[in-house]
């Protein structure tokens, strides 16, 4: 199953977000370890610059999104704890979008 979420990013925290996502890439082996518990097969992050500020688009493919979300929320893996902290620091609010097609 695929899930896409979007969040407004604090403009002054855009560089912090970029640095963190680069660090995740460099710590890919730790990330993949968490994927096992979260049933995640693949995830991607995009940043869009808009006149209202940056927007993070996060795409996640997982076998069981609910199980994955619960595993992430209850995770004690250092990388997940850091990820929660950074996201809380840099994100403002979710951005809603209307799903027009799903096949």
Protein backbone atom coordinates (compact mmCIF):
# COMPACT_ATOMS: atom_id res chain seq x y z
CA UNK A 1 0.00 0.00 0.00
CA UNK A 2 1.16 3.52 -0.82
CA UNK A 3 0.67 6.54 1.41
CA UNK A 4 1.58 10.12 0.53
CA UNK A 5 1.58 12.87 3.16
CA UNK A 6 2.42 16.54 2.83
CA UNK A 7 3.51 19.04 5.46
CA UNK A 8 4.31 22.72 5.53
CA UNK A 9 7.91 23.28 6.61
CA UNK A 10 9.06 26.19 8.75
CA UNK A 11 11.00 28.29 6.22
CA UNK A 12 13.81 28.94 8.70
CA UNK A 13 14.11 25.15 9.25
CA UNK A 14 14.34 24.11 5.58
CA UNK A 15 18.12 23.69 5.78
CA UNK A 16 17.78 21.57 8.94
CA UNK A 17 15.31 19.32 7.11
CA UNK A 18 17.67 18.99 4.14
CA UNK A 19 20.55 18.08 6.45
CA UNK A 20 18.46 15.47 8.25
CA UNK A 21 17.27 13.81 5.05
CA UNK A 22 20.88 13.69 3.85
CA UNK A 23 21.83 12.08 7.15
CA UNK A 24 19.08 9.49 6.70
CA UNK A 25 20.58 8.67 3.31
CA UNK A 26 23.99 8.25 4.91
CA UNK A 27 22.51 6.08 7.69
CA UNK A 28 20.49 4.01 5.22
CA UNK A 29 21.39 0.72 6.95
CA UNK A 30 19.74 1.93 10.20
CA UNK A 31 16.70 3.13 8.30
CA UNK A 32 16.31 -0.22 6.57
CA UNK A 33 16.47 -2.00 9.93
CA UNK A 34 13.40 -0.06 11.07
CA UNK A 35 11.61 -0.89 7.80
CA UNK A 36 11.35 -4.54 8.89
CA UNK A 37 9.17 -3.70 11.90
CA UNK A 38 7.29 -1.02 9.99
CA UNK A 39 6.66 -3.28 6.96
CA UNK A 40 8.04 -0.48 4.76
CA UNK A 41 9.37 -1.39 1.33
CA UNK A 42 10.24 2.07 0.07
CA UNK A 43 9.99 5.71 1.05
CA UNK A 44 10.82 8.97 -0.68
CA UNK A 45 10.84 12.62 0.38
CA UNK A 46 10.41 15.62 -1.92
CA UNK A 47 10.58 19.31 -1.14
CA UNK A 48 8.53 21.81 -3.11
CA UNK A 49 9.14 25.53 -2.88
CA UNK A 50 5.92 27.55 -2.97
CA UNK A 51 5.05 31.21 -2.47
CA UNK A 52 3.66 30.19 0.92
CA UNK A 53 6.86 28.39 1.95
CA UNK A 54 8.36 24.93 1.51
CA UNK A 55 6.25 21.77 1.50
CA UNK A 56 7.59 18.32 2.30
CA UNK A 57 6.01 15.45 0.37
CA UNK A 58 6.64 12.04 1.91
CA UNK A 59 5.73 8.87 0.02
CA UNK A 60 5.73 5.54 1.87
CA UNK A 61 5.10 2.08 0.46
CA UNK A 62 4.38 -0.54 3.12
CA UNK A 63 2.74 -3.91 3.47
CA UNK A 64 0.62 -2.73 6.43
CA UNK A 65 0.50 1.04 6.98
CA UNK A 66 -1.33 0.83 10.31
CA UNK A 67 1.14 -1.68 11.71
CA UNK A 68 3.98 0.43 10.36
CA UNK A 69 2.67 3.61 11.96
CA UNK A 70 2.27 1.86 15.31
CA UNK A 71 5.77 0.39 15.08
CA UNK A 72 7.22 3.83 14.31
CA UNK A 73 5.31 5.57 17.09
CA UNK A 74 6.45 2.99 19.65
CA UNK A 75 9.96 2.56 18.29
CA UNK A 76 13.00 2.82 20.53
CA UNK A 77 15.48 2.76 17.62
CA UNK A 78 17.75 5.80 17.99
CA UNK A 79 17.19 6.82 14.36
CA UNK A 80 13.38 6.80 14.82
CA UNK A 81 13.67 8.86 18.01
CA UNK A 82 15.86 11.38 16.19
CA UNK A 83 13.49 11.42 13.22
CA UNK A 84 10.50 12.23 15.46
CA UNK A 85 12.44 15.05 17.12
CA UNK A 86 13.61 16.60 13.84
CA UNK A 87 10.18 16.39 12.22
CA UNK A 88 8.62 18.05 15.27
CA UNK A 89 11.23 20.78 15.00
CA UNK A 90 10.87 21.52 11.27
CA UNK A 91 7.23 20.87 10.35
CA UNK A 92 4.31 23.24 10.83
CA UNK A 93 1.15 21.38 9.81
CA UNK A 94 -0.16 18.80 7.38
CA UNK A 95 -1.30 19.97 3.95
CA UNK A 96 -4.50 18.39 2.72
CA UNK A 97 -4.96 17.26 -0.85
CA UNK A 98 -7.90 15.83 -2.71
CA UNK A 99 -7.27 12.35 -4.07
CA UNK A 100 -8.55 12.32 -7.63
CA UNK A 101 -7.36 8.93 -8.85
CA UNK A 102 -6.32 5.65 -7.22
CA UNK A 103 -6.00 2.41 -9.17
